[in-house]
Amino acid sequence: MNLVLERIVGSATSGKSAERESVASPCVSRVHLSAVLRSKQDEAARERIRRLFHSPLGVYVSQASRDHDDLRLVFDVAMEDLDFTVRTLHQVLPEAVIEAVRPRMFTHRREH
C-alpha cells in the first residue's frame, strides 16, 4: 500500500500562511483511519458491529458513532499496523468505506 500523509506546516501565530507538505510514513507513529458503514439500524447491522468488535480490529476502534443510517468509525492505529487494519476491515466489513487516514496529533499538557 502506498500512502502519503499530509501535514499543514506553519502556525497561525507565525503570520505565514499554512503550507501543505508530504510526510513520509516513517515520520508518523500513529494514524487515525476514519471509515463509514451505511446500514439501517436493524439486527443485521448489530451483528456486523458485534463481528467488528470481536475481530482483531476491535482493539483499534477509538470512536464509534451513529448518524441516522451511517455508522462512523475511527481507528487509532500504529503506522506499521495500517496495512493489516485496512485488509481486516475489508474482510470483516466489506461494505465499509474508508474516508480518511490522518496523522494522529498528540497534545501534551504543560505544567507550570
Protein backbone atom coordinates (compact mmCIF):
# COMPACT_ATOMS: atom_id res chain seq x y z
CA MET A 1 0.00 0.00 0.00
CA ASN A 2 1.41 3.38 -0.98
CA LEU A 3 0.29 6.04 1.43
CA VAL A 4 1.10 9.71 1.52
CA LEU A 5 0.02 11.72 4.55
CA GLU A 6 -0.28 15.47 4.56
CA ARG A 7 0.83 17.84 7.29
CA ILE A 8 -0.01 21.52 7.43
CA VAL A 9 3.19 23.47 8.08
CA GLY A 10 3.26 26.89 9.72
CA SER A 11 1.19 28.28 12.51
CA ALA A 12 -1.48 30.89 12.87
CA THR A 13 0.78 32.86 15.20
CA SER A 14 3.73 32.99 12.80
CA GLY A 15 1.88 35.26 10.37
CA LYS A 16 2.69 32.93 7.48
CA SER A 17 0.04 31.12 5.57
CA ALA A 18 -0.13 27.39 6.15
CA GLU A 19 1.53 25.25 3.51
CA ARG A 20 0.97 21.58 2.81
CA GLU A 21 3.88 19.20 2.62
CA SER A 22 4.04 15.49 2.06
CA VAL A 23 5.11 13.47 5.05
CA ALA A 24 6.80 10.13 4.53
CA SER A 25 5.04 7.45 6.54
CA PRO A 26 8.06 6.56 8.76
CA CYS A 27 7.84 10.04 10.37
CA VAL A 28 4.35 9.32 11.69
CA SER A 29 3.98 6.83 14.52
CA ARG A 30 0.17 6.64 14.72
CA VAL A 31 -2.72 7.49 12.41
CA HIS A 32 -6.48 7.83 12.66
CA LEU A 33 -8.32 5.88 9.99
CA SER A 34 -11.92 7.10 9.51
CA ALA A 35 -14.48 4.81 7.94
CA VAL A 36 -18.24 4.88 7.45
CA LEU A 37 -20.65 1.99 7.21
CA ARG A 38 -24.03 2.77 5.71
CA SER A 39 -26.66 0.47 7.14
CA LYS A 40 -30.05 0.59 8.74
CA GLN A 41 -30.37 0.11 12.47
CA ASP A 42 -31.58 -3.50 12.40
CA GLU A 43 -30.46 -6.87 13.74
CA ALA A 44 -28.16 -7.47 10.74
CA ALA A 45 -26.37 -4.17 11.43
CA ARG A 46 -25.99 -5.04 15.11
CA GLU A 47 -24.50 -8.41 14.13
CA ARG A 48 -21.94 -6.72 11.84
CA ILE A 49 -20.93 -4.40 14.68
CA ARG A 50 -20.57 -7.36 17.06
CA ARG A 51 -18.42 -9.07 14.44
CA LEU A 52 -16.22 -5.97 14.19
CA PHE A 53 -15.69 -5.63 17.94
CA HIS A 54 -14.96 -9.35 18.34
CA SER A 55 -12.44 -9.34 15.48
CA PRO A 56 -8.76 -8.43 15.92
CA LEU A 57 -9.79 -4.98 14.65
CA GLY A 58 -11.92 -4.25 17.71
CA VAL A 59 -8.95 -3.14 19.80
CA TYR A 60 -8.18 -0.34 17.32
CA VAL A 61 -11.63 1.33 17.45
CA SER A 62 -11.24 4.62 19.30
CA GLN A 63 -14.63 6.15 18.37
CA ALA A 64 -17.91 4.84 17.04
CA SER A 65 -20.97 6.98 16.44
CA ARG A 66 -24.24 6.61 14.62
CA ASP A 67 -25.68 9.35 12.39
CA HIS A 68 -29.04 8.17 11.02
CA ASP A 69 -28.14 5.17 8.84
CA ASP A 70 -24.38 5.83 8.95
CA LEU A 71 -22.06 4.25 11.46
CA ARG A 72 -18.86 6.27 11.70
CA LEU A 73 -15.74 4.57 13.00
CA VAL A 74 -12.32 5.93 13.89
CA PHE A 75 -9.44 3.51 14.30
CA ASP A 76 -6.32 4.55 16.22
CA VAL A 77 -3.56 2.57 14.53
CA ALA A 78 0.21 2.35 14.69
CA MET A 79 1.65 3.14 11.27
CA GLU A 80 3.09 -0.36 10.94
CA ASP A 81 -0.42 -1.84 11.54
CA LEU A 82 -2.20 0.28 8.93
CA ASP A 83 -1.99 -2.28 6.13
CA PHE A 84 -3.31 -5.02 8.44
CA THR A 85 -6.14 -2.75 9.60
CA VAL A 86 -7.28 -1.90 6.07
CA ARG A 87 -7.17 -5.56 4.96
CA THR A 88 -9.01 -6.77 8.06
CA LEU A 89 -11.63 -4.03 7.81
CA HIS A 90 -12.29 -5.08 4.23
CA GLN A 91 -12.67 -8.72 5.34
CA VAL A 92 -14.87 -8.05 8.38
CA LEU A 93 -16.97 -5.20 6.94
CA PRO A 94 -16.54 -5.20 3.14
CA GLU A 95 -19.24 -2.53 2.78
CA ALA A 96 -17.30 -0.03 4.93
CA VAL A 97 -15.84 2.96 3.09
CA ILE A 98 -12.56 4.48 4.24
CA GLU A 99 -12.96 8.24 4.33
CA ALA A 100 -9.55 9.43 5.54
CA VAL A 101 -6.21 8.49 7.04
CA ARG A 102 -4.70 11.29 9.08
CA PRO A 103 -1.68 11.55 11.35
CA ARG A 104 -2.65 11.33 14.99
CA MET A 105 -1.76 14.52 16.79
CA PHE A 106 -0.50 14.14 20.32
CA THR A 107 -1.10 17.08 22.61
CA HIS A 108 0.94 17.39 25.78
CA ARG A 109 -0.17 19.39 28.74
CA ARG A 110 2.45 21.81 30.03
CA GLU A 111 2.82 22.08 33.77
CA HIS A 112 3.76 25.43 35.27
